[in-house]
Amino acid sequence: MSRLEHCATLWRWSSPSAPSVWFFLTIDGAAGEALSALALMRRLELGQASGFGSLKVAARIGTSTWKTSVFPQRGEGWMLPIKAAVRRAEHIGEGDEVVLELEVL
């Protein structure tokens, strides 16, 4: 797998027990299935999953690029955390449609 491109809606997660607010994009459909297949192959090769079943990725939105991880989202694809610096630089907010590019590392 080289690069994946996906369009998703930015959504917010918060918890009543924690003051933090996090923003994510859900990677589902064909892109999510490709990530799931790769995660399964790596699990079979290594005999173990990485932390929380995550995959390390290089992400790009607009002109912003960064390294992070994507996390499996119970039967609903994968979650990509979007940090504040990227949201500010790309002028995106909750509910915005975002085109992203991922490369699994």
PDB file of N, CA and C in Angstrom:
ATOM      1  N   MET A   1       0.857  -1.167   0.000  1.00  0.00           N
ATOM      2  CA  MET A   1       0.000   0.000   0.000  1.00  0.00           C
ATOM      3  C   MET A   1       0.900   1.226   0.000  1.00  0.00           C
ATOM      4  N   SER A   2       0.669   2.114  -0.917  1.00  0.00           N
ATOM      5  CA  SER A   2       1.489   3.326  -0.928  1.00  0.00           C
ATOM      6  C   SER A   2       0.746   4.448  -0.200  1.00  0.00           C
ATOM      7  N   ARG A   3      -0.186   5.067  -0.869  1.00  0.00           N
ATOM      8  CA  ARG A   3      -0.920   6.177  -0.256  1.00  0.00           C
ATOM      9  C   ARG A   3      -2.408   5.952  -0.385  1.00  0.00           C
ATOM     10  N   LEU A   4      -3.127   6.423   0.618  1.00  0.00           N
ATOM     11  CA  LEU A   4      -4.587   6.394   0.602  1.00  0.00           C
ATOM     12  C   LEU A   4      -5.101   7.821   0.601  1.00  0.00           C
ATOM     13  N   GLU A   5      -6.124   8.078  -0.162  1.00  0.00           N
ATOM     14  CA  GLU A   5      -6.794   9.369  -0.091  1.00  0.00           C
ATOM     15  C   GLU A   5      -8.225   9.112   0.360  1.00  0.00           C
ATOM     16  N   HIS A   6      -8.734  10.000   1.211  1.00  0.00           N
ATOM     17  CA  HIS A   6     -10.067   9.802   1.777  1.00  0.00           C
ATOM     18  C   HIS A   6     -10.677  11.160   2.108  1.00  0.00           C
ATOM     19  N   CYS A   7     -11.974  11.248   2.013  1.00  0.00           N
ATOM     20  CA  CYS A   7     -12.700  12.459   2.401  1.00  0.00           C
ATOM     21  C   CYS A   7     -13.585  12.104   3.594  1.00  0.00           C
ATOM     22  N   ALA A   8     -13.508  12.905   4.648  1.00  0.00           N
ATOM     23  CA  ALA A   8     -14.254  12.616   5.873  1.00  0.00           C
ATOM     24  C   ALA A   8     -14.676  13.908   6.561  1.00  0.00           C
ATOM     25  N   THR A   9     -15.626  13.786   7.467  1.00  0.00           N
ATOM     26  CA  THR A   9     -16.119  14.919   8.242  1.00  0.00           C
ATOM     27  C   THR A   9     -15.389  14.985   9.579  1.00  0.00           C
ATOM     28  N   LEU A  10     -14.880  16.160   9.924  1.00  0.00           N
ATOM     29  CA  LEU A  10     -14.191  16.357  11.199  1.00  0.00           C
ATOM     30  C   LEU A  10     -15.215  16.315  12.333  1.00  0.00           C
ATOM     31  N   TRP A  11     -14.954  15.491  13.342  1.00  0.00           N
ATOM     32  CA  TRP A  11     -15.875  15.382  14.480  1.00  0.00           C
ATOM     33  C   TRP A  11     -15.110  15.512  15.790  1.00  0.00           C
ATOM     34  N   ARG A  12     -15.865  15.898  16.818  1.00  0.00           N
ATOM     35  CA  ARG A  12     -15.277  16.176  18.133  1.00  0.00           C
ATOM     36  C   ARG A  12     -15.672  15.097  19.123  1.00  0.00           C
ATOM     37  N   TRP A  13     -14.700  14.718  19.968  1.00  0.00           N
ATOM     38  CA  TRP A  13     -14.951  13.790  21.073  1.00  0.00           C
ATOM     39  C   TRP A  13     -14.574  14.497  22.357  1.00  0.00           C
ATOM     40  N   SER A  14     -15.441  14.393  23.325  1.00  0.00           N
ATOM     41  CA  SER A  14     -15.119  14.903  24.662  1.00  0.00           C
ATOM     42  C   SER A  14     -15.700  13.947  25.679  1.00  0.00           C
ATOM     43  N   SER A  15     -15.195  14.038  26.894  1.00  0.00           N
ATOM     44  CA  SER A  15     -15.637  13.162  27.965  1.00  0.00           C
ATOM     45  C   SER A  15     -16.045  14.010  29.166  1.00  0.00           C
ATOM     46  N   PRO A  16     -17.136  13.646  29.821  1.00  0.00           N
ATOM     47  CA  PRO A  16     -17.532  14.392  31.010  1.00  0.00           C
ATOM     48  C   PRO A  16     -16.503  14.275  32.141  1.00  0.00           C
ATOM     49  N   SER A  17     -15.701  13.196  32.115  1.00  0.00           N
ATOM     50  CA  SER A  17     -14.731  12.998  33.184  1.00  0.00           C
ATOM     51  C   SER A  17     -13.356  13.579  32.869  1.00  0.00           C
ATOM     52  N   ALA A  18     -13.167  14.083  31.647  1.00  0.00           N
ATOM     53  CA  ALA A  18     -11.867  14.655  31.276  1.00  0.00           C
ATOM     54  C   ALA A  18     -12.091  16.006  30.602  1.00  0.00           C
ATOM     55  N   PRO A  19     -11.283  16.986  30.929  1.00  0.00           N
ATOM     56  CA  PRO A  19     -11.472  18.316  30.343  1.00  0.00           C
ATOM     57  C   PRO A  19     -11.033  18.421  28.885  1.00  0.00           C
ATOM     58  N   SER A  20     -10.339  17.420  28.377  1.00  0.00           N
ATOM     59  CA  SER A  20      -9.802  17.483  27.018  1.00  0.00           C
ATOM     60  C   SER A  20     -10.882  17.292  25.966  1.00  0.00           C
ATOM     61  N   VAL A  21     -10.687  17.942  24.846  1.00  0.00           N
ATOM     62  CA  VAL A  21     -11.523  17.759  23.663  1.00  0.00           C
ATOM     63  C   VAL A  21     -10.593  17.327  22.539  1.00  0.00           C
ATOM     64  N   TRP A  22     -10.980  16.293  21.821  1.00  0.00           N
ATOM     65  CA  TRP A  22     -10.169  15.759  20.732  1.00  0.00           C
ATOM     66  C   TRP A  22     -10.973  15.822  19.439  1.00  0.00           C
ATOM     67  N   PHE A  23     -10.289  16.013  18.326  1.00  0.00           N
ATOM     68  CA  PHE A  23     -10.934  16.038  17.018  1.00  0.00           C
ATOM     69  C   PHE A  23     -10.377  14.909  16.162  1.00  0.00           C
ATOM     70  N   PHE A  24     -11.271  14.265  15.410  1.00  0.00           N
ATOM     71  CA  PHE A  24     -10.900  13.095  14.606  1.00  0.00           C
ATOM     72  C   PHE A  24     -11.553  13.146  13.238  1.00  0.00           C
ATOM     73  N   LEU A  25     -10.945  12.399  12.321  1.00  0.00           N
ATOM     74  CA  LEU A  25     -11.567  12.047  11.054  1.00  0.00           C
ATOM     75  C   LEU A  25     -11.728  10.539  11.062  1.00  0.00           C
ATOM     76  N   THR A  26     -12.871  10.048  10.597  1.00  0.00           N
ATOM     77  CA  THR A  26     -13.096   8.617  10.485  1.00  0.00           C
ATOM     78  C   THR A  26     -12.714   8.170   9.084  1.00  0.00           C
ATOM     79  N   ILE A  27     -11.880   7.160   9.025  1.00  0.00           N
ATOM     80  CA  ILE A  27     -11.460   6.590   7.747  1.00  0.00           C
ATOM     81  C   ILE A  27     -12.212   5.275   7.591  1.00  0.00           C
ATOM     82  N   ASP A  28     -13.197   5.285   6.705  1.00  0.00           N
ATOM     83  CA  ASP A  28     -14.030   4.102   6.511  1.00  0.00           C
ATOM     84  C   ASP A  28     -14.080   3.742   5.030  1.00  0.00           C
ATOM     85  N   GLY A  29     -15.013   2.909   4.642  1.00  0.00           N
ATOM     86  CA  GLY A  29     -15.129   2.512   3.242  1.00  0.00           C
ATOM     87  C   GLY A  29     -13.893   1.754   2.776  1.00  0.00           C
ATOM     88  N   ALA A  30     -13.551   1.934   1.500  1.00  0.00           N
ATOM     89  CA  ALA A  30     -12.422   1.211   0.909  1.00  0.00           C
ATOM     90  C   ALA A  30     -11.107   1.544   1.610  1.00  0.00           C
ATOM     91  N   ALA A  31     -10.908   2.810   1.984  1.00  0.00           N
ATOM     92  CA  ALA A  31      -9.673   3.198   2.678  1.00  0.00           C
ATOM     93  C   ALA A  31      -9.584   2.512   4.044  1.00  0.00           C
ATOM     94  N   GLY A  32     -10.692   2.463   4.774  1.00  0.00           N
ATOM     95  CA  GLY A  32     -10.710   1.791   6.073  1.00  0.00           C
ATOM     96  C   GLY A  32     -10.458   0.300   5.945  1.00  0.00           C
ATOM     97  N   GLU A  33     -11.035  -0.307   4.899  1.00  0.00           N
ATOM     98  CA  GLU A  33     -10.815  -1.736   4.678  1.00  0.00           C
ATOM     99  C   GLU A  33      -9.351  -2.019   4.337  1.00  0.00           C
ATOM    100  N   ALA A  34      -8.729  -1.129   3.568  1.00  0.00           N
ATOM    101  CA  ALA A  34      -7.307  -1.302   3.237  1.00  0.00           C
ATOM    102  C   ALA A  34      -6.451  -1.227   4.499  1.00  0.00           C
ATOM    103  N   LEU A  35      -6.760  -0.280   5.389  1.00  0.00           N
ATOM    104  CA  LEU A  35      -6.015  -0.181   6.654  1.00  0.00           C
ATOM    105  C   LEU A  35      -6.219  -1.431   7.505  1.00  0.00           C
ATOM    106  N   SER A  36      -7.453  -1.927   7.567  1.00  0.00           N
ATOM    107  CA  SER A  36      -7.740  -3.135   8.353  1.00  0.00           C
ATOM    108  C   SER A  36      -6.985  -4.340   7.812  1.00  0.00           C
ATOM    109  N   ALA A  37      -6.927  -4.467   6.496  1.00  0.00           N
ATOM    110  CA  ALA A  37      -6.201  -5.585   5.886  1.00  0.00           C
ATOM    111  C   ALA A  37      -4.714  -5.491   6.201  1.00  0.00           C
ATOM    112  N   LEU A  38      -4.154  -4.300   6.121  1.00  0.00           N
ATOM    113  CA  LEU A  38      -2.740  -4.116   6.436  1.00  0.00           C
ATOM    114  C   LEU A  38      -2.465  -4.421   7.909  1.00  0.00           C
ATOM    115  N   ALA A  39      -3.340  -3.962   8.799  1.00  0.00           N
ATOM    116  CA  ALA A  39      -3.166  -4.226  10.235  1.00  0.00           C
ATOM    117  C   ALA A  39      -3.196  -5.729  10.500  1.00  0.00           C
ATOM    118  N   LEU A  40      -4.088  -6.451   9.837  1.00  0.00           N
ATOM    119  CA  LEU A  40      -4.171  -7.901  10.005  1.00  0.00           C
ATOM    120  C   LEU A  40      -2.897  -8.573   9.505  1.00  0.00           C
ATOM    121  N   MET A  41      -2.400  -8.153   8.344  1.00  0.00           N
ATOM    122  CA  MET A  41      -1.152  -8.726   7.818  1.00  0.00           C
ATOM    123  C   MET A  41       0.001  -8.503   8.783  1.00  0.00           C
ATOM    124  N   ARG A  42       0.094  -7.296   9.324  1.00  0.00           N
ATOM    125  CA  ARG A  42       1.186  -7.011  10.267  1.00  0.00           C
ATOM    126  C   ARG A  42       1.048  -7.824  11.543  1.00  0.00           C
ATOM    127  N   ARG A  43      -0.202  -7.990  12.016  1.00  0.00           N
ATOM    128  CA  ARG A  43      -0.439  -8.790  13.220  1.00  0.00           C
ATOM    129  C   ARG A  43      -0.012 -10.236  12.979  1.00  0.00           C
ATOM    130  N   LEU A  44      -0.327 -10.764  11.793  1.00  0.00           N
ATOM    131  CA  LEU A  44       0.046 -12.138  11.470  1.00  0.00           C
ATOM    132  C   LEU A  44       1.561 -12.278  11.330  1.00  0.00           C
ATOM    133  N   GLU A  45       2.211 -11.289  10.735  1.00  0.00           N
ATOM    134  CA  GLU A  45       3.665 -11.332  10.559  1.00  0.00           C
ATOM    135  C   GLU A  45       4.406 -11.240  11.885  1.00  0.00           C
ATOM    136  N   LEU A  46       3.950 -10.312  12.746  1.00  0.00           N
ATOM    137  CA  LEU A  46       4.663 -10.038  13.994  1.00  0.00           C
ATOM    138  C   LEU A  46       4.156 -10.859  15.172  1.00  0.00           C
ATOM    139  N   GLY A  47       2.958 -11.410  15.053  1.00  0.00           N
ATOM    140  CA  GLY A  47       2.396 -12.183  16.144  1.00  0.00           C
ATOM    141  C   GLY A  47       1.813 -11.324  17.262  1.00  0.00           C
ATOM    142  N   GLN A  48       1.753 -10.020  17.048  1.00  0.00           N
ATOM    143  CA  GLN A  48       1.185  -9.129  18.057  1.00  0.00           C
ATOM    144  C   GLN A  48       0.704  -7.848  17.381  1.00  0.00           C
ATOM    145  N   ALA A  49      -0.198  -7.165  18.043  1.00  0.00           N
ATOM    146  CA  ALA A  49      -0.687  -5.888  17.537  1.00  0.00           C
ATOM    147  C   ALA A  49       0.072  -4.764  18.236  1.00  0.00           C
ATOM    148  N   SER A  50       0.157  -3.622  17.579  1.00  0.00           N
ATOM    149  CA  SER A  50       0.769  -2.462  18.230  1.00  0.00           C
ATOM    150  C   SER A  50      -0.238  -1.863  19.210  1.00  0.00           C
ATOM    151  N   GLY A  51       0.167  -0.840  19.943  1.00  0.00           N
ATOM    152  CA  GLY A  51      -0.678  -0.236  20.968  1.00  0.00           C
ATOM    153  C   GLY A  51      -2.079   0.092  20.488  1.00  0.00           C
ATOM    154  N   PHE A  52      -3.071  -0.438  21.139  1.00  0.00           N
ATOM    155  CA  PHE A  52      -4.486  -0.242  20.820  1.00  0.00           C
ATOM    156  C   PHE A  52      -4.832  -0.697  19.403  1.00  0.00           C
ATOM    157  N   GLY A  53      -3.977  -1.501  18.774  1.00  0.00           N
ATOM    158  CA  GLY A  53      -4.206  -1.945  17.403  1.00  0.00           C
ATOM    159  C   GLY A  53      -3.911  -0.864  16.376  1.00  0.00           C
ATOM    160  N   SER A  54      -3.159   0.151  16.768  1.00  0.00           N
ATOM    161  CA  SER A  54      -2.907   1.311  15.912  1.00  0.00           C
ATOM    162  C   SER A  54      -1.921   1.008  14.786  1.00  0.00           C
ATOM    163  N   LEU A  55      -1.924   1.887  13.795  1.00  0.00           N
ATOM    164  CA  LEU A  55      -0.945   1.872  12.721  1.00  0.00           C
ATOM    165  C   LEU A  55      -0.299   3.247  12.648  1.00  0.00           C
ATOM    166  N   LYS A  56       1.025   3.288  12.502  1.00  0.00           N
ATOM    167  CA  LYS A  56       1.720   4.567  12.345  1.00  0.00           C
ATOM    168  C   LYS A  56       1.550   5.052  10.911  1.00  0.00           C
ATOM    169  N   VAL A  57       1.287   6.348  10.771  1.00  0.00           N
ATOM    170  CA  VAL A  57       1.057   6.922   9.451  1.00  0.00           C
ATOM    171  C   VAL A  57       1.709   8.293   9.321  1.00  0.00           C
ATOM    172  N   ALA A  58       1.936   8.695   8.080  1.00  0.00           N
ATOM    173  CA  ALA A  58       2.239  10.078   7.745  1.00  0.00           C
ATOM    174  C   ALA A  58       0.949  10.611   7.131  1.00  0.00           C
ATOM    175  N   ALA A  59       0.468  11.737   7.633  1.00  0.00           N
ATOM    176  CA  ALA A  59      -0.811  12.294   7.177  1.00  0.00           C
ATOM    177  C   ALA A  59      -0.582  13.646   6.520  1.00  0.00           C
ATOM    178  N   ARG A  60      -1.467  13.966   5.571  1.00  0.00           N
ATOM    179  CA  ARG A  60      -1.422  15.275   4.930  1.00  0.00           C
ATOM    180  C   ARG A  60      -2.840  15.778   4.720  1.00  0.00           C
ATOM    181  N   ILE A  61      -3.065  17.017   5.143  1.00  0.00           N
ATOM    182  CA  ILE A  61      -4.296  17.744   4.858  1.00  0.00           C
ATOM    183  C   ILE A  61      -3.844  19.092   4.319  1.00  0.00           C
ATOM    184  N   GLY A  62      -4.237  19.414   3.111  1.00  0.00           N
ATOM    185  CA  GLY A  62      -3.789  20.665   2.505  1.00  0.00           C
ATOM    186  C   GLY A  62      -2.277  20.683   2.423  1.00  0.00           C
ATOM    187  N   THR A  63      -1.667  21.713   3.019  1.00  0.00           N
ATOM    188  CA  THR A  63      -0.204  21.813   3.018  1.00  0.00           C
ATOM    189  C   THR A  63       0.417  21.320   4.324  1.00  0.00           C
ATOM    190  N   SER A  64      -0.425  20.858   5.250  1.00  0.00           N
ATOM    191  CA  SER A  64       0.059  20.376   6.554  1.00  0.00           C
ATOM    192  C   SER A  64       0.355  18.884   6.492  1.00  0.00           C
ATOM    193  N   THR A  65       1.556  18.513   6.932  1.00  0.00           N
ATOM    194  CA  THR A  65       1.933  17.103   7.016  1.00  0.00           C
ATOM    195  C   THR A  65       2.458  16.809   8.415  1.00  0.00           C
ATOM    196  N   TRP A  66       2.190  15.626   8.911  1.00  0.00           N
ATOM    197  CA  TRP A  66       2.666  15.234  10.237  1.00  0.00           C
ATOM    198  C   TRP A  66       2.612  13.712  10.363  1.00  0.00           C
ATOM    199  N   LYS A  67       3.320  13.199  11.362  1.00  0.00           N
ATOM    200  CA  LYS A  67       3.303  11.766  11.668  1.00  0.00           C
ATOM    201  C   LYS A  67       2.451  11.547  12.897  1.00  0.00           C
ATOM    202  N   THR A  68       1.642  10.502  12.852  1.00  0.00           N
ATOM    203  CA  THR A  68       0.745  10.174  13.953  1.00  0.00           C
ATOM    204  C   THR A  68       0.378   8.702  13.829  1.00  0.00           C
ATOM    205  N   SER A  69      -0.674   8.290  14.473  1.00  0.00           N
ATOM    206  CA  SER A  69      -1.201   6.930  14.357  1.00  0.00           C
ATOM    207  C   SER A  69      -2.693   6.993  14.093  1.00  0.00           C
ATOM    208  N   VAL A  70      -3.202   5.962  13.421  1.00  0.00           N
ATOM    209  CA  VAL A  70      -4.645   5.790  13.279  1.00  0.00           C
ATOM    210  C   VAL A  70      -5.039   4.641  14.190  1.00  0.00           C
ATOM    211  N   PHE A  71      -6.262   4.711  14.709  1.00  0.00           N
ATOM    212  CA  PHE A  71      -6.729   3.743  15.693  1.00  0.00           C
ATOM    213  C   PHE A  71      -8.017   3.091  15.212  1.00  0.00           C
ATOM    214  N   PRO A  72      -8.153   1.764  15.396  1.00  0.00           N
ATOM    215  CA  PRO A  72      -9.384   1.106  14.968  1.00  0.00           C
ATOM    216  C   PRO A  72     -10.578   1.635  15.761  1.00  0.00           C
ATOM    217  N   GLN A  73     -11.683   1.799  15.073  1.00  0.00           N
ATOM    218  CA  GLN A  73     -12.913   2.322  15.664  1.00  0.00           C
ATOM    219  C   GLN A  73     -13.967   1.235  15.539  1.00  0.00           C
ATOM    220  N   ARG A  74     -14.163   0.460  16.524  1.00  0.00           N
ATOM    221  CA  ARG A  74     -15.072  -0.689  16.591  1.00  0.00           C
ATOM    222  C   ARG A  74     -16.061  -0.804  15.426  1.00  0.00           C
ATOM    223  N   GLY A  75     -15.645  -1.514  14.399  1.00  0.00           N
ATOM    224  CA  GLY A  75     -16.519  -1.810  13.278  1.00  0.00           C
ATOM    225  C   GLY A  75     -16.885  -0.618  12.416  1.00  0.00           C
ATOM    226  N   GLU A  76     -16.282   0.528  12.671  1.00  0.00           N
ATOM    227  CA  GLU A  76     -16.637   1.731  11.923  1.00  0.00           C
ATOM    228  C   GLU A  76     -15.432   2.348  11.235  1.00  0.00           C
ATOM    229  N   GLY A  77     -14.414   1.574  10.942  1.00  0.00           N
ATOM    230  CA  GLY A  77     -13.234   2.105  10.278  1.00  0.00           C
ATOM    231  C   GLY A  77     -12.143   2.460  11.266  1.00  0.00           C
ATOM    232  N   TRP A  78     -11.442   3.547  10.977  1.00  0.00           N
ATOM    233  CA  TRP A  78     -10.284   3.977  11.753  1.00  0.00           C
ATOM    234  C   TRP A  78     -10.429   5.447  12.113  1.00  0.00           C
ATOM    235  N   MET A  79      -9.822   5.850  13.234  1.00  0.00           N
ATOM    236  CA  MET A  79      -9.855   7.249  13.675  1.00  0.00           C
ATOM    237  C   MET A  79      -8.478   7.865  13.500  1.00  0.00           C
ATOM    238  N   LEU A  80      -8.451   9.051  12.879  1.00  0.00           N
ATOM    239  CA  LEU A  80      -7.226   9.821  12.722  1.00  0.00           C
ATOM    240  C   LEU A  80      -7.352  11.078  13.571  1.00  0.00           C
ATOM    241  N   PRO A  81      -6.521  11.230  14.614  1.00  0.00           N
ATOM    242  CA  PRO A  81      -6.583  12.452  15.424  1.00  0.00           C
ATOM    243  C   PRO A  81      -6.029  13.639  14.634  1.00  0.00           C
ATOM    244  N   ILE A  82      -6.715  14.780  14.747  1.00  0.00           N
ATOM    245  CA  ILE A  82      -6.298  15.995  14.048  1.00  0.00           C
ATOM    246  C   ILE A  82      -5.949  17.043  15.094  1.00  0.00           C
ATOM    247  N   LYS A  83      -4.668  17.365  15.186  1.00  0.00           N
ATOM    248  CA  LYS A  83      -4.220  18.288  16.225  1.00  0.00           C
ATOM    249  C   LYS A  83      -4.604  19.731  15.904  1.00  0.00           C
ATOM    250  N   ALA A  84      -4.611  20.548  16.947  1.00  0.00           N
ATOM    251  CA  ALA A  84      -5.046  21.947  16.839  1.00  0.00           C
ATOM    252  C   ALA A  84      -4.228  22.720  15.819  1.00  0.00           C
ATOM    253  N   ALA A  85      -2.924  22.496  15.769  1.00  0.00           N
ATOM    254  CA  ALA A  85      -2.072  23.232  14.830  1.00  0.00           C
ATOM    255  C   ALA A  85      -2.502  22.983  13.384  1.00  0.00           C
ATOM    256  N   VAL A  86      -2.891  21.762  13.077  1.00  0.00           N
ATOM    257  CA  VAL A  86      -3.350  21.433  11.723  1.00  0.00           C
ATOM    258  C   VAL A  86      -4.713  22.074  11.465  1.00  0.00           C
ATOM    259  N   ARG A  87      -5.611  21.993  12.436  1.00  0.00           N
ATOM    260  CA  ARG A  87      -6.938  22.602  12.256  1.00  0.00           C
ATOM    261  C   ARG A  87      -6.825  24.100  12.011  1.00  0.00           C
ATOM    262  N   ARG A  88      -5.931  24.758  12.767  1.00  0.00           N
ATOM    263  CA  ARG A  88      -5.729  26.206  12.578  1.00  0.00           C
ATOM    264  C   ARG A  88      -5.105  26.502  11.214  1.00  0.00           C
ATOM    265  N   ALA A  89      -4.050  25.785  10.872  1.00  0.00           N
ATOM    266  CA  ALA A  89      -3.325  26.042   9.618  1.00  0.00           C
ATOM    267  C   ALA A  89      -4.209  25.819   8.394  1.00  0.00           C
ATOM    268  N   GLU A  90      -5.101  24.849   8.476  1.00  0.00           N
ATOM    269  CA  GLU A  90      -5.947  24.504   7.329  1.00  0.00           C
ATOM    270  C   GLU A  90      -7.355  25.104   7.424  1.00  0.00           C
ATOM    271  N   HIS A  91      -7.594  25.866   8.491  1.00  0.00           N
ATOM    272  CA  HIS A  91      -8.891  26.546   8.683  1.00  0.00           C
ATOM    273  C   HIS A  91     -10.067  25.565   8.621  1.00  0.00           C
ATOM    274  N   ILE A  92      -9.947  24.490   9.403  1.00  0.00           N
ATOM    275  CA  ILE A  92     -11.024  23.502   9.450  1.00  0.00           C
ATOM    276  C   ILE A  92     -11.580  23.416  10.867  1.00  0.00           C
ATOM    277  N   GLY A  93     -12.858  23.092  10.945  1.00  0.00           N
ATOM    278  CA  GLY A  93     -13.517  22.969  12.233  1.00  0.00           C
ATOM    279  C   GLY A  93     -14.514  21.831  12.213  1.00  0.00           C
ATOM    280  N   GLU A  94     -15.110  21.582  13.357  1.00  0.00           N
ATOM    281  CA  GLU A  94     -16.074  20.507  13.513  1.00  0.00           C
ATOM    282  C   GLU A  94     -17.138  20.583  12.425  1.00  0.00           C
ATOM    283  N   GLY A  95     -17.406  19.451  11.785  1.00  0.00           N
ATOM    284  CA  GLY A  95     -18.422  19.370  10.745  1.00  0.00           C
ATOM    285  C   GLY A  95     -17.909  19.633   9.341  1.00  0.00           C
ATOM    286  N   ASP A  96     -16.669  20.094   9.202  1.00  0.00           N
ATOM    287  CA  ASP A  96     -16.110  20.360   7.873  1.00  0.00           C
ATOM    288  C   ASP A  96     -15.721  19.055   7.180  1.00  0.00           C
ATOM    289  N   GLU A  97     -15.929  19.025   5.865  1.00  0.00           N
ATOM    290  CA  GLU A  97     -15.464  17.913   5.038  1.00  0.00           C
ATOM    291  C   GLU A  97     -13.986  18.144   4.752  1.00  0.00           C
ATOM    292  N   VAL A  98     -13.178  17.115   4.942  1.00  0.00           N
ATOM    293  CA  VAL A  98     -11.736  17.239   4.817  1.00  0.00           C
ATOM    294  C   VAL A  98     -11.204  16.135   3.905  1.00  0.00           C
ATOM    295  N   VAL A  99     -10.349  16.517   2.961  1.00  0.00           N
ATOM    296  CA  VAL A  99      -9.660  15.534   2.127  1.00  0.00           C
ATOM    297  C   VAL A  99      -8.294  15.297   2.751  1.00  0.00           C
ATOM    298  N   LEU A 100      -7.982  14.028   2.996  1.00  0.00           N
ATOM    299  CA  LEU A 100      -6.716  13.696   3.629  1.00  0.00           C
ATOM    300  C   LEU A 100      -5.989  12.644   2.818  1.00  0.00           C
ATOM    301  N   GLU A 101      -4.700  12.620   3.000  1.00  0.00           N
ATOM    302  CA  GLU A 101      -3.851  11.619   2.373  1.00  0.00           C
ATOM    303  C   GLU A 101      -3.052  10.940   3.468  1.00  0.00           C
ATOM    304  N   LEU A 102      -2.980   9.607   3.413  1.00  0.00           N
ATOM    305  CA  LEU A 102      -2.238   8.841   4.409  1.00  0.00           C
ATOM    306  C   LEU A 102      -1.227   7.942   3.735  1.00  0.00           C
ATOM    307  N   GLU A 103      -0.107   7.795   4.416  1.00  0.00           N
ATOM    308  CA  GLU A 103       0.877   6.795   4.020  1.00  0.00           C
ATOM    309  C   GLU A 103       1.203   5.999   5.283  1.00  0.00           C
ATOM    310  N   VAL A 104       1.008   4.690   5.228  1.00  0.00           N
ATOM    311  CA  VAL A 104       1.314   3.845   6.381  1.00  0.00           C
ATOM    312  C   VAL A 104       2.818   3.665   6.463  1.00  0.00           C
ATOM    313  N   LEU A 105       3.353   3.880   7.657  1.00  0.00           N
ATOM    314  CA  LEU A 105       4.811   3.794   7.872  1.00  0.00           C
ATOM    315  C   LEU A 105       5.223   2.417   8.350  1.00  0.00           C
TER     316      LEU A 105
END
